[in-house]
Protein backbone atom coordinates (compact mmCIF):
# COMPACT_ATOMS: atom_id res chain seq x y z
CA MET A 1 77.53 -38.33 -22.32
CA ASP A 2 75.98 -38.18 -18.88
CA ASN A 3 74.02 -34.97 -18.32
CA ASN A 4 75.82 -34.28 -15.00
CA ILE A 5 79.20 -34.34 -16.76
CA ARG A 6 77.96 -32.07 -19.56
CA ILE A 7 76.52 -29.59 -17.08
CA LEU A 8 79.83 -29.35 -15.18
CA GLU A 9 81.71 -28.86 -18.47
CA PHE A 10 79.36 -26.03 -19.44
CA ALA A 11 79.82 -24.37 -16.09
CA LYS A 12 83.59 -24.72 -16.05
CA LYS A 13 83.86 -23.30 -19.54
CA THR A 14 81.69 -20.30 -18.56
CA LEU A 15 83.83 -19.58 -15.52
CA GLU A 16 87.06 -19.97 -17.49
CA LEU A 17 85.91 -17.50 -20.14
CA GLU A 18 84.64 -14.97 -17.63
CA GLY A 19 87.72 -15.29 -15.45
CA GLN A 20 90.03 -14.76 -18.44
CA SER A 21 88.02 -11.77 -19.49
CA VAL A 22 88.28 -10.14 -16.09
CA LEU A 23 92.04 -10.66 -15.99
CA GLN A 24 92.34 -9.17 -19.46
CA LEU A 25 90.93 -5.92 -18.11
CA ILE A 26 94.28 -5.33 -16.35
CA ASP A 27 95.77 -4.59 -19.75
CA TYR A 28 93.17 -1.88 -20.36
CA LEU A 29 93.96 0.05 -17.24
CA ASP A 30 95.60 3.32 -18.30
CA ASP A 31 95.58 7.06 -17.70
CA ASN A 32 91.89 7.11 -18.64
CA PHE A 33 91.11 4.98 -15.61
CA SER A 34 93.34 6.84 -13.08
CA LYS A 35 92.24 10.29 -14.27
CA ALA A 36 88.58 9.29 -14.18
CA VAL A 37 88.85 7.95 -10.66
CA ASP A 38 90.79 11.00 -9.49
CA LEU A 39 88.15 13.28 -11.00
CA ILE A 40 85.38 11.42 -9.11
CA TYR A 41 87.44 11.57 -5.96
CA HIS A 42 87.73 15.36 -6.09
CA SER A 43 84.22 15.99 -7.43
CA LYS A 44 81.75 17.99 -5.42
CA GLY A 45 78.86 16.23 -7.19
CA ARG A 46 77.55 12.75 -7.56
CA VAL A 47 78.24 9.91 -10.00
CA ILE A 48 75.24 9.38 -12.28
CA VAL A 49 75.51 5.83 -13.69
CA THR A 50 73.40 5.07 -16.76
CA GLY A 51 72.88 2.33 -19.35
CA VAL A 52 70.21 0.20 -21.08
CA GLY A 53 69.34 -3.48 -21.00
CA LYS A 54 71.76 -5.69 -19.07
CA SER A 55 74.18 -2.79 -18.74
CA ALA A 56 71.49 -0.91 -16.80
CA ILE A 57 71.36 -3.79 -14.31
CA ILE A 58 75.11 -3.66 -13.89
CA ALA A 59 74.81 0.14 -13.49
CA ASN A 60 72.46 -0.39 -10.58
CA LYS A 61 74.94 -2.66 -8.86
CA ILE A 62 77.79 -0.20 -9.37
CA VAL A 63 75.66 2.54 -7.88
CA ALA A 64 74.97 0.40 -4.81
CA THR A 65 78.67 -0.40 -4.37
CA LEU A 66 79.67 3.26 -4.73
CA ASN A 67 77.09 4.49 -2.23
CA SER A 68 78.05 1.84 0.32
CA THR A 69 81.71 2.79 0.11
CA GLY A 70 81.41 6.55 0.44
CA THR A 71 80.92 7.78 -3.09
CA PRO A 72 77.41 9.35 -3.68
CA ALA A 73 75.91 7.79 -6.76
CA ILE A 74 72.52 7.63 -8.54
CA PHE A 75 71.18 5.29 -11.25
CA MET A 76 69.57 6.80 -14.29
CA HIS A 77 68.15 4.55 -17.00
CA ALA A 78 69.27 5.89 -20.37
CA ALA A 79 65.82 5.42 -21.93
CA ASP A 80 64.11 7.28 -19.09
CA ALA A 81 66.75 9.98 -19.17
CA ILE A 82 65.68 11.18 -22.63
CA HIS A 83 62.08 11.19 -21.50
CA GLY A 84 62.51 13.51 -18.47
CA ASP A 85 64.87 11.87 -15.98
CA LEU A 86 67.79 13.87 -17.37
CA GLY A 87 66.70 16.61 -14.98
CA LEU A 88 68.28 14.78 -12.06
CA VAL A 89 71.77 15.44 -13.44
CA GLN A 90 73.19 18.53 -11.66
CA ASN A 91 76.03 20.78 -12.78
CA ASP A 92 78.75 19.16 -10.67
CA ASP A 93 77.69 15.56 -11.37
CA ILE A 94 79.87 13.16 -13.36
CA VAL A 95 78.07 10.78 -15.71
CA LEU A 96 79.29 7.17 -16.14
CA CYS A 97 77.62 5.59 -19.16
CA ILE A 98 77.86 1.80 -19.60
CA SER A 99 77.32 0.08 -22.94
CA LYS A 100 78.95 -2.99 -24.51
CA SER A 101 78.59 -1.69 -28.09
CA GLY A 102 78.60 1.98 -27.23
CA ASP A 103 76.27 2.55 -30.19
CA THR A 104 72.75 1.87 -28.89
CA PRO A 105 70.10 4.38 -30.02
CA GLU A 106 69.32 5.59 -26.50
CA ILE A 107 73.03 6.29 -25.80
CA LYS A 108 73.40 8.19 -29.06
CA VAL A 109 70.47 10.40 -28.14
CA LEU A 110 71.48 10.92 -24.51
CA ILE A 111 75.18 11.81 -24.96
CA PRO A 112 74.71 15.16 -26.72
CA PHE A 113 72.44 16.40 -23.90
CA ILE A 114 75.04 15.41 -21.30
CA LYS A 115 77.82 17.18 -23.25
CA SER A 116 75.68 20.29 -23.76
CA ASN A 117 75.28 20.57 -20.03
CA HIS A 118 79.12 20.39 -19.69
CA ASN A 119 79.06 17.36 -17.40
CA THR A 120 82.11 15.15 -17.53
CA LEU A 121 81.26 11.90 -19.34
CA ILE A 122 83.04 8.60 -18.53
CA GLY A 123 82.27 5.84 -21.00
CA MET A 124 82.55 2.22 -20.08
CA THR A 125 82.40 0.21 -23.31
CA GLY A 126 83.82 -2.81 -25.07
CA ASN A 127 84.08 -0.94 -28.35
CA PRO A 128 86.86 1.72 -28.35
CA ASN A 129 85.70 3.08 -31.71
CA SER A 130 82.02 3.48 -30.74
CA PHE A 131 79.96 6.66 -30.48
CA LEU A 132 80.17 6.47 -26.68
CA ALA A 133 84.00 6.04 -26.68
CA THR A 134 84.67 8.82 -29.14
CA HIS A 135 82.44 11.30 -27.29
CA SER A 136 83.55 10.49 -23.71
CA ASP A 137 86.08 12.50 -21.76
CA PHE A 138 87.47 9.25 -20.37
CA VAL A 139 87.02 5.67 -21.53
CA LEU A 140 87.02 2.56 -19.33
CA ARG A 141 87.56 -0.26 -21.77
CA THR A 142 85.77 -3.53 -21.09
CA THR A 143 86.42 -5.41 -24.33
CA VAL A 144 85.81 -9.16 -24.27
CA GLU A 145 86.72 -11.69 -26.94
CA LYS A 146 83.38 -13.52 -26.78
CA GLU A 147 80.38 -14.09 -24.61
CA ALA A 148 80.10 -17.24 -22.57
CA CYS A 149 76.83 -17.89 -24.37
CA PRO A 150 77.59 -20.51 -27.08
CA ASN A 151 75.84 -18.26 -29.64
CA ASP A 152 77.99 -15.33 -28.53
CA LEU A 153 74.77 -13.36 -27.99
CA ALA A 154 73.51 -13.28 -24.37
CA PRO A 155 75.44 -10.72 -22.32
CA THR A 156 77.50 -12.85 -19.91
CA THR A 157 81.23 -12.33 -20.17
CA SER A 158 80.70 -8.67 -21.12
CA THR A 159 78.52 -7.85 -18.12
CA THR A 160 80.97 -9.68 -15.80
CA ALA A 161 83.75 -7.43 -17.20
CA GLN A 162 81.58 -4.33 -16.62
CA LEU A 163 80.87 -5.39 -13.06
CA ALA A 164 84.55 -6.02 -12.33
CA MET A 165 85.60 -2.66 -13.79
CA GLY A 166 82.93 -0.94 -11.65
CA ASP A 167 84.36 -2.71 -8.60
CA ALA A 168 87.86 -1.56 -9.54
CA VAL A 169 86.56 2.05 -9.63
CA ALA A 170 84.74 1.72 -6.30
CA VAL A 171 87.63 0.07 -4.47
CA SER A 172 90.13 2.62 -5.81
CA LEU A 173 87.93 5.40 -4.49
CA LEU A 174 87.52 3.58 -1.19
CA GLN A 175 91.30 3.39 -0.85
CA LEU A 176 91.77 7.07 -1.74
CA ARG A 177 89.20 8.03 0.90
CA SER A 178 90.88 5.83 3.55
CA PHE A 179 87.40 4.39 4.02
CA SER A 180 87.54 2.35 7.29
CA SER A 181 85.36 -0.40 8.71
CA SER A 182 83.82 2.18 11.05
CA ASP A 183 82.88 4.32 8.00
CA PHE A 184 81.48 1.17 6.34
CA ALA A 185 79.29 0.58 9.40
CA LYS A 186 77.67 3.98 9.04
CA TYR A 187 76.27 2.89 5.67
CA HIS A 188 75.34 -0.63 6.80
CA PRO A 189 73.52 -0.30 10.16
CA GLY A 190 71.05 -3.05 9.45
CA GLY A 191 71.52 -6.79 9.27
CA ALA A 192 74.37 -9.04 10.46
CA LEU A 193 76.96 -7.10 8.52
CA GLY A 194 76.15 -3.80 10.18
CA LYS A 195 75.94 -5.44 13.62
CA LYS A 196 79.33 -7.04 13.10
CA LEU A 197 80.82 -3.62 12.59
CA TYR A 198 79.14 -1.52 15.29
CA LEU A 199 77.52 -3.72 17.97
CA ARG A 200 79.55 -3.84 21.16
CA VAL A 201 79.57 -6.37 24.01
CA GLY A 202 78.04 -3.87 26.46
CA ASP A 203 75.10 -3.29 24.11
CA LEU A 204 74.10 -6.91 24.60
CA SER A 205 75.22 -7.73 28.14
CA SER A 206 73.46 -4.64 29.56
CA GLN A 207 70.15 -6.30 28.61
CA ASN A 208 70.87 -9.33 30.82
CA GLU A 209 70.57 -9.82 34.58
CA VAL A 210 73.82 -9.60 36.60
CA PRO A 211 74.27 -12.82 38.58
CA ILE A 212 76.58 -12.41 41.53
CA VAL A 213 77.44 -14.14 44.79
CA SER A 214 80.07 -13.72 47.40
CA PRO A 215 82.78 -16.36 48.21
CA GLN A 216 80.87 -17.34 51.37
CA THR A 217 77.49 -17.83 49.62
CA LYS A 218 76.02 -21.25 50.39
CA LEU A 219 74.96 -23.84 47.85
CA LYS A 220 71.20 -23.25 48.08
CA ASP A 221 71.61 -19.53 47.40
CA ILE A 222 74.08 -20.16 44.60
CA ILE A 223 71.49 -22.40 42.87
CA ILE A 224 68.77 -19.82 43.39
CA GLU A 225 70.94 -17.04 41.93
CA ILE A 226 71.83 -19.04 38.82
CA SER A 227 68.24 -20.13 38.38
CA ASN A 228 66.74 -16.65 38.81
CA LYS A 229 69.20 -14.88 36.52
CA ARG A 230 68.88 -17.60 33.83
CA LEU A 231 72.33 -17.29 32.29
CA GLY A 232 73.68 -20.63 33.36
CA LEU A 233 76.29 -19.18 35.69
CA THR A 234 77.07 -16.65 38.37
CA ALA A 235 80.12 -14.59 39.07
CA VAL A 236 81.88 -14.86 42.44
CA VAL A 237 82.91 -11.37 43.56
CA GLU A 238 84.49 -10.01 46.74
CA GLY A 239 84.39 -6.22 46.95
CA THR A 240 85.19 -5.19 43.37
CA GLU A 241 87.44 -8.20 42.67
CA LEU A 242 86.28 -10.96 40.32
CA LEU A 243 87.38 -14.21 41.93
CA GLY A 244 85.75 -16.74 39.60
CA ILE A 245 82.52 -18.16 38.22
CA ILE A 246 80.17 -21.06 38.99
CA THR A 247 78.43 -22.68 36.07
CA ASP A 248 75.67 -25.25 35.82
CA GLY A 249 78.39 -27.73 34.99
CA ASP A 250 80.32 -26.85 38.24
CA LEU A 251 77.16 -27.58 40.21
CA ARG A 252 76.65 -30.95 38.60
CA ARG A 253 80.25 -32.03 39.20
CA MET A 254 80.02 -30.83 42.85
CA LEU A 255 76.81 -32.79 43.46
CA GLN A 256 78.52 -35.93 42.12
CA ASN A 257 81.71 -35.52 44.23
CA ASN A 258 80.72 -33.76 47.48
CA PRO A 259 78.46 -35.56 49.90
CA ASP A 260 78.21 -32.74 52.47
CA PHE A 261 76.13 -30.17 50.61
CA ASN A 262 75.41 -28.04 53.66
CA GLN A 263 79.04 -26.96 54.09
CA VAL A 264 79.71 -26.06 50.45
CA THR A 265 80.36 -22.32 49.62
CA ALA A 266 80.99 -20.51 46.39
CA LEU A 267 84.71 -20.43 47.13
CA ASP A 268 84.81 -24.25 47.25
CA ILE A 269 83.39 -24.90 43.79
CA MET A 270 84.07 -21.86 41.68
CA THR A 271 86.33 -21.88 38.62
CA LYS A 272 89.10 -19.34 38.89
CA ASP A 273 90.37 -17.04 36.11
CA PRO A 274 87.25 -17.19 33.87
CA LYS A 275 87.37 -15.87 30.35
CA THR A 276 86.48 -12.19 30.28
CA ILE A 277 85.89 -9.50 27.70
CA GLU A 278 85.58 -5.77 28.11
CA GLU A 279 82.20 -4.17 27.47
CA SER A 280 83.73 -1.83 24.90
CA GLU A 281 84.87 -4.70 22.68
CA MET A 282 82.99 -5.54 19.47
CA ALA A 283 80.39 -8.25 19.89
CA TYR A 284 81.89 -10.06 16.96
CA ALA A 285 85.17 -10.39 18.90
CA ALA A 286 83.16 -12.07 21.71
CA LYS A 287 81.81 -14.57 19.18
CA GLU A 288 85.32 -15.50 18.03
CA LEU A 289 86.47 -15.86 21.64
CA MET A 290 83.59 -18.18 22.49
CA GLU A 291 84.26 -20.32 19.44
CA ASN A 292 88.01 -20.49 20.11
CA PHE A 293 87.54 -21.74 23.63
CA GLY A 294 84.36 -23.73 23.12
CA ILE A 295 82.36 -21.83 25.71
CA SER A 296 78.89 -20.29 25.63
CA GLN A 297 79.25 -17.45 28.14
CA LEU A 298 81.79 -14.67 28.81
CA ILE A 299 82.19 -12.59 31.91
CA VAL A 300 81.95 -8.84 30.94
CA ILE A 301 84.20 -6.36 32.71
CA ASN A 302 84.56 -2.57 32.44
CA ASP A 303 87.76 -0.62 31.66
CA ARG A 304 88.76 -0.83 35.33
CA GLY A 305 88.51 -4.65 35.31
CA ASN A 306 85.38 -4.74 37.43
CA TYR A 307 82.68 -7.31 36.80
CA CYS A 308 79.57 -5.80 35.19
CA GLY A 309 77.64 -8.62 33.51
CA VAL A 310 77.47 -11.70 31.36
CA LEU A 311 77.35 -12.18 27.63
CA HIS A 312 75.63 -15.42 26.48
CA MET A 313 75.99 -17.06 23.09
CA HIS A 314 72.19 -16.80 22.81
CA ASP A 315 72.62 -12.98 22.75
CA LEU A 316 74.77 -13.32 19.66
CA ILE A 317 72.34 -15.78 18.02
CA ARG A 318 69.45 -13.36 18.65
CA GLU A 319 71.34 -10.56 16.86
CA GLY A 320 72.20 -12.79 13.89
CA LEU A 321 75.92 -12.80 14.56
CA ILE A 322 75.98 -16.61 14.73
């Protein structure tokens, strides 16, 4: 059999097994889950997530998801915990311990110390009869029939189930907290994701020059204004009223069709009713507007409808929004 065909078969089988295992978790959702999530929601402390091996890696990801969605969380490696790191667990903290078997030596040593400190223990395990399950206050069951590994050894399906259950916890808490996109932005100020959530049109347009001419401005001065401000256009304004815009394209079309350049004014060649956006709008909304209309600039107005600048697609590219 061709190797390409075999590879695709291996991949499809893996995804089928993992997908089925995630869906099976729905059957394990019970009062343990809802009470555990409600306890975390009302807790004054943090969620300490612990585990060993591949489960420790999943624990790290769950911590990152909890922190980014409004639930304070800290990762504690189970092996390090019994060698000093247990001191980071405070009285009001809730401990989430993750283990497929629930019977690893590090877990068996760690659990009595957690219980002696009277911290609530939530166990996430695939073995409901394990040491972890029987000593936990609440159990999040992540049982899988088999690993995607053909030898049923390498943690694959089981870690996918753990990850999915962790997401279920985090999203449930997010919903209980009515965690909004503006809240999300507070925890993600960097990168394109954060900029998508908090960067506004005025933050970008205010860094640009403000090209402007009157309706009576002659061609030579129009060209100079567009050239000097380097945004590919100028607004045509009378008093406080935005009448239109003149773009590089308008100039080219005029030069092709109008032989008497000396008599041309801005009013003669401007495009009326240009696309505008308020400076208070999100920059990401400007990106969508540009894409929808196939344009590369937007006229920026304030809340009174007065012209105050230009937003160029290059501004969005520079900020990583495109």
